[in-house]
């Protein structure tokens, strides 16, 4: 995984993929099958302050499952 190797995340440009802030690292590890699901063997935790998260909100958009990607 490039983000783990490089210690940073590249800019996400694919609009057909969505991401969201997960409620906790434990929840994310659980959803990845404790790191045993194929393609989900690595879980990257990112710490971000509330101010940092709020600064990202103006750059986000809402998309429903049935809505086309922008």
C-alpha atoms as a PDB file:
ATOM      1  CA  UNK A   1       0.000   0.000   0.000  1.00  0.00           C
ATOM      2  CA  UNK A   2       1.584   3.251  -1.165  1.00  0.00           C
ATOM      3  CA  UNK A   3       0.290   5.335   1.747  1.00  0.00           C
ATOM      4  CA  UNK A   4       1.876   2.995   4.280  1.00  0.00           C
ATOM      5  CA  UNK A   5       5.182   2.795   2.388  1.00  0.00           C
ATOM      6  CA  UNK A   6       5.392   6.553   1.813  1.00  0.00           C
ATOM      7  CA  UNK A   7       3.924   7.628   5.145  1.00  0.00           C
ATOM      8  CA  UNK A   8       1.404   9.857   3.402  1.00  0.00           C
ATOM      9  CA  UNK A   9      -1.724   9.646   1.300  1.00  0.00           C
ATOM     10  CA  UNK A  10      -1.831  10.704  -2.307  1.00  0.00           C
ATOM     11  CA  UNK A  11      -4.597  12.988  -3.524  1.00  0.00           C
ATOM     12  CA  UNK A  12      -7.703  10.986  -4.283  1.00  0.00           C
ATOM     13  CA  UNK A  13      -8.916  11.827  -7.777  1.00  0.00           C
ATOM     14  CA  UNK A  14     -11.377   9.023  -8.535  1.00  0.00           C
ATOM     15  CA  UNK A  15     -14.919  10.358  -8.175  1.00  0.00           C
ATOM     16  CA  UNK A  16     -16.422   6.881  -8.517  1.00  0.00           C
ATOM     17  CA  UNK A  17     -14.940   5.921  -5.143  1.00  0.00           C
ATOM     18  CA  UNK A  18     -16.107   7.410  -1.923  1.00  0.00           C
ATOM     19  CA  UNK A  19     -14.548   7.601   1.459  1.00  0.00           C
ATOM     20  CA  UNK A  20     -15.731   8.788   4.814  1.00  0.00           C
ATOM     21  CA  UNK A  21     -14.344   9.334   8.248  1.00  0.00           C
ATOM     22  CA  UNK A  22     -14.717   6.135  10.220  1.00  0.00           C
ATOM     23  CA  UNK A  23     -15.937   6.395  13.823  1.00  0.00           C
ATOM     24  CA  UNK A  24     -12.953   4.562  15.287  1.00  0.00           C
ATOM     25  CA  UNK A  25      -9.884   2.532  14.454  1.00  0.00           C
ATOM     26  CA  UNK A  26     -11.394  -0.481  16.234  1.00  0.00           C
ATOM     27  CA  UNK A  27     -14.493  -0.283  14.003  1.00  0.00           C
ATOM     28  CA  UNK A  28     -12.292  -0.098  10.890  1.00  0.00           C
ATOM     29  CA  UNK A  29     -10.210  -3.095  11.924  1.00  0.00           C
ATOM     30  CA  UNK A  30     -13.420  -5.040  12.635  1.00  0.00           C
ATOM     31  CA  UNK A  31     -14.819  -4.154   9.175  1.00  0.00           C
ATOM     32  CA  UNK A  32     -11.586  -5.363   7.563  1.00  0.00           C
ATOM     33  CA  UNK A  33     -12.063  -8.760   9.202  1.00  0.00           C
ATOM     34  CA  UNK A  34      -9.283  -8.013  11.676  1.00  0.00           C
ATOM     35  CA  UNK A  35      -6.953  -7.519   8.725  1.00  0.00           C
ATOM     36  CA  UNK A  36      -7.739 -10.872   7.123  1.00  0.00           C
ATOM     37  CA  UNK A  37     -10.059  -9.861   4.235  1.00  0.00           C
ATOM     38  CA  UNK A  38      -8.353  -9.940   0.852  1.00  0.00           C
ATOM     39  CA  UNK A  39      -7.153  -6.471  -0.100  1.00  0.00           C
ATOM     40  CA  UNK A  40      -7.783  -5.191   3.428  1.00  0.00           C
ATOM     41  CA  UNK A  41      -4.799  -6.669   5.216  1.00  0.00           C
ATOM     42  CA  UNK A  42      -3.460  -3.211   6.087  1.00  0.00           C
ATOM     43  CA  UNK A  43      -5.411  -0.551   7.977  1.00  0.00           C
ATOM     44  CA  UNK A  44      -4.003   2.956   8.029  1.00  0.00           C
ATOM     45  CA  UNK A  45      -4.959   5.143  10.978  1.00  0.00           C
ATOM     46  CA  UNK A  46      -4.731   8.894  10.463  1.00  0.00           C
ATOM     47  CA  UNK A  47      -4.906  11.360  13.317  1.00  0.00           C
ATOM     48  CA  UNK A  48      -6.550  14.657  12.484  1.00  0.00           C
ATOM     49  CA  UNK A  49      -7.616  17.494  14.726  1.00  0.00           C
ATOM     50  CA  UNK A  50     -11.154  18.794  14.728  1.00  0.00           C
ATOM     51  CA  UNK A  51      -9.910  21.983  13.112  1.00  0.00           C
ATOM     52  CA  UNK A  52      -8.204  19.939  10.406  1.00  0.00           C
ATOM     53  CA  UNK A  53     -11.375  17.956   9.719  1.00  0.00           C
ATOM     54  CA  UNK A  54     -13.477  21.124   9.604  1.00  0.00           C
ATOM     55  CA  UNK A  55     -11.055  22.682   7.107  1.00  0.00           C
ATOM     56  CA  UNK A  56     -11.689  19.733   4.752  1.00  0.00           C
ATOM     57  CA  UNK A  57     -15.491  19.979   4.817  1.00  0.00           C
ATOM     58  CA  UNK A  58     -15.763  22.807   2.252  1.00  0.00           C
ATOM     59  CA  UNK A  59     -13.929  20.517  -0.226  1.00  0.00           C
ATOM     60  CA  UNK A  60     -16.297  17.577   0.261  1.00  0.00           C
ATOM     61  CA  UNK A  61     -19.593  16.686  -1.351  1.00  0.00           C
ATOM     62  CA  UNK A  62     -22.507  14.430  -0.534  1.00  0.00           C
ATOM     63  CA  UNK A  63     -23.308  11.522  -2.790  1.00  0.00           C
ATOM     64  CA  UNK A  64     -25.972   8.876  -2.412  1.00  0.00           C
ATOM     65  CA  UNK A  65     -25.628   5.287  -3.613  1.00  0.00           C
ATOM     66  CA  UNK A  66     -27.884   5.980  -6.619  1.00  0.00           C
ATOM     67  CA  UNK A  67     -26.441   9.387  -7.554  1.00  0.00           C
ATOM     68  CA  UNK A  68     -23.850   9.528 -10.345  1.00  0.00           C
ATOM     69  CA  UNK A  69     -20.314  10.560  -9.439  1.00  0.00           C
ATOM     70  CA  UNK A  70     -19.474  14.206 -10.073  1.00  0.00           C
END
